[in-house]
Amino acid sequence: LEFKRKKEIIGIEAKTELPESVIPPKINQYVNSNYQDNFIIEWQLEKKEQQISLDNDLDLVFTLDGDFKKIDD
C-alpha cells in the first residue's frame, strides 16, 4: 500500500489478484467486461487519473471518475 500524508491510499500493488473491494467499481466493471481472462494486480491514483496494471502486463489509464482513457505504452 502507498499512502499520501493524510493517510489516503494512493497505490496498491500485489503479486496476485487485488480484491474487487479496493478497486473503484466502474474500473472493475470495465475490466470484467473487456478483460475477462485477466485480473488487476496494481492500482495507482494520480492527480488527474487512475492507472491499473493487469496480470498480462497491460497498463490501463482511467479518468478520476473511472472512465477508460487509454492503454498506457
C-alpha atoms as a PDB file:
ATOM      1  CA  LEU A   1       0.000   0.000   0.000  1.00  0.00           C
ATOM      2  CA  GLU A   2       1.114   3.541  -0.725  1.00  0.00           C
ATOM      3  CA  PHE A   3      -0.298   6.485   1.244  1.00  0.00           C
ATOM      4  CA  LYS A   4      -0.419  10.275   0.995  1.00  0.00           C
ATOM      5  CA  ARG A   5       0.471  12.355   4.033  1.00  0.00           C
ATOM      6  CA  LYS A   6      -3.195  12.460   5.089  1.00  0.00           C
ATOM      7  CA  LYS A   7      -3.306   8.631   5.214  1.00  0.00           C
ATOM      8  CA  GLU A   8      -5.206   8.441   1.917  1.00  0.00           C
ATOM      9  CA  ILE A   9      -4.370   5.340  -0.113  1.00  0.00           C
ATOM     10  CA  ILE A  10      -2.910   6.275  -3.493  1.00  0.00           C
ATOM     11  CA  GLY A  11      -1.462   2.937  -4.563  1.00  0.00           C
ATOM     12  CA  ILE A  12      -1.926  -0.796  -4.103  1.00  0.00           C
ATOM     13  CA  GLU A  13       0.311  -3.479  -5.576  1.00  0.00           C
ATOM     14  CA  ALA A  14       0.263  -7.270  -5.263  1.00  0.00           C
ATOM     15  CA  LYS A  15       1.673 -10.359  -6.921  1.00  0.00           C
ATOM     16  CA  THR A  16      -1.821 -11.855  -7.077  1.00  0.00           C
ATOM     17  CA  GLU A  17      -5.290 -10.511  -7.830  1.00  0.00           C
ATOM     18  CA  LEU A  18      -6.361  -7.438  -5.863  1.00  0.00           C
ATOM     19  CA  PRO A  19      -9.747  -7.771  -4.144  1.00  0.00           C
ATOM     20  CA  GLU A  20     -12.552  -6.062  -6.071  1.00  0.00           C
ATOM     21  CA  SER A  21     -13.397  -4.126  -2.907  1.00  0.00           C
ATOM     22  CA  VAL A  22     -10.222  -1.995  -3.217  1.00  0.00           C
ATOM     23  CA  ILE A  23     -10.765  -1.023  -6.875  1.00  0.00           C
ATOM     24  CA  PRO A  24     -13.328   1.620  -7.900  1.00  0.00           C
ATOM     25  CA  PRO A  25     -16.500  -0.154  -9.156  1.00  0.00           C
ATOM     26  CA  LYS A  26     -16.502   1.493 -12.592  1.00  0.00           C
ATOM     27  CA  ILE A  27     -12.946   0.253 -13.256  1.00  0.00           C
ATOM     28  CA  ASN A  28     -13.863  -3.256 -12.074  1.00  0.00           C
ATOM     29  CA  GLN A  29     -16.819  -3.272 -14.472  1.00  0.00           C
ATOM     30  CA  TYR A  30     -14.610  -2.206 -17.381  1.00  0.00           C
ATOM     31  CA  VAL A  31     -12.010  -4.893 -16.685  1.00  0.00           C
ATOM     32  CA  ASN A  32     -14.647  -7.593 -16.138  1.00  0.00           C
ATOM     33  CA  SER A  33     -16.316  -6.681 -19.452  1.00  0.00           C
ATOM     34  CA  ASN A  34     -13.203  -6.272 -21.601  1.00  0.00           C
ATOM     35  CA  TYR A  35     -10.524  -8.461 -19.996  1.00  0.00           C
ATOM     36  CA  GLN A  36     -12.454 -11.433 -18.567  1.00  0.00           C
ATOM     37  CA  ASP A  37      -9.386 -13.685 -18.549  1.00  0.00           C
ATOM     38  CA  ASN A  38      -7.225 -11.196 -16.631  1.00  0.00           C
ATOM     39  CA  PHE A  39      -7.171  -9.545 -13.231  1.00  0.00           C
ATOM     40  CA  ILE A  40      -5.852  -6.364 -11.627  1.00  0.00           C
ATOM     41  CA  ILE A  41      -2.541  -6.578  -9.742  1.00  0.00           C
ATOM     42  CA  GLU A  42      -1.868  -2.857  -9.266  1.00  0.00           C
ATOM     43  CA  TRP A  43      -3.877   0.363  -8.864  1.00  0.00           C
ATOM     44  CA  GLN A  44      -2.464   3.914  -8.693  1.00  0.00           C
ATOM     45  CA  LEU A  45      -4.279   7.186  -8.018  1.00  0.00           C
ATOM     46  CA  GLU A  46      -2.576  10.189  -9.571  1.00  0.00           C
ATOM     47  CA  LYS A  47      -3.533  13.877  -9.647  1.00  0.00           C
ATOM     48  CA  LYS A  48      -5.534  13.700 -12.888  1.00  0.00           C
ATOM     49  CA  GLU A  49      -6.090   9.986 -13.497  1.00  0.00           C
ATOM     50  CA  GLN A  50      -6.076   6.425 -12.214  1.00  0.00           C
ATOM     51  CA  GLN A  51      -3.945   3.627 -13.613  1.00  0.00           C
ATOM     52  CA  ILE A  52      -4.175  -0.125 -13.245  1.00  0.00           C
ATOM     53  CA  SER A  53      -1.901  -2.982 -14.253  1.00  0.00           C
ATOM     54  CA  LEU A  54      -3.276  -6.351 -15.286  1.00  0.00           C
ATOM     55  CA  ASP A  55      -1.621  -9.717 -14.807  1.00  0.00           C
ATOM     56  CA  ASN A  56      -0.805  -9.767 -18.566  1.00  0.00           C
ATOM     57  CA  ASP A  57       1.464  -6.674 -18.157  1.00  0.00           C
ATOM     58  CA  LEU A  58      -1.121  -4.367 -19.745  1.00  0.00           C
ATOM     59  CA  ASP A  59      -1.499  -0.921 -18.153  1.00  0.00           C
ATOM     60  CA  LEU A  60      -4.825   0.897 -18.491  1.00  0.00           C
ATOM     61  CA  VAL A  61      -5.474   4.562 -17.733  1.00  0.00           C
ATOM     62  CA  PHE A  62      -8.799   5.905 -16.438  1.00  0.00           C
ATOM     63  CA  THR A  63     -10.160   9.325 -15.519  1.00  0.00           C
ATOM     64  CA  LEU A  64     -10.655  10.163 -11.854  1.00  0.00           C
ATOM     65  CA  ASP A  65     -14.334   9.245 -12.387  1.00  0.00           C
ATOM     66  CA  GLY A  66     -13.329   5.777 -13.620  1.00  0.00           C
ATOM     67  CA  ASP A  67     -13.936   6.266 -17.352  1.00  0.00           C
ATOM     68  CA  PHE A  68     -11.476   4.445 -19.639  1.00  0.00           C
ATOM     69  CA  LYS A  69      -8.974   6.776 -21.362  1.00  0.00           C
ATOM     70  CA  LYS A  70      -6.286   4.657 -22.998  1.00  0.00           C
ATOM     71  CA  ILE A  71      -3.843   1.787 -22.878  1.00  0.00           C
ATOM     72  CA  ASP A  72      -0.581   3.085 -21.464  1.00  0.00           C
ATOM     73  CA  ASP A  73       2.543   2.368 -23.502  1.00  0.00           C
END
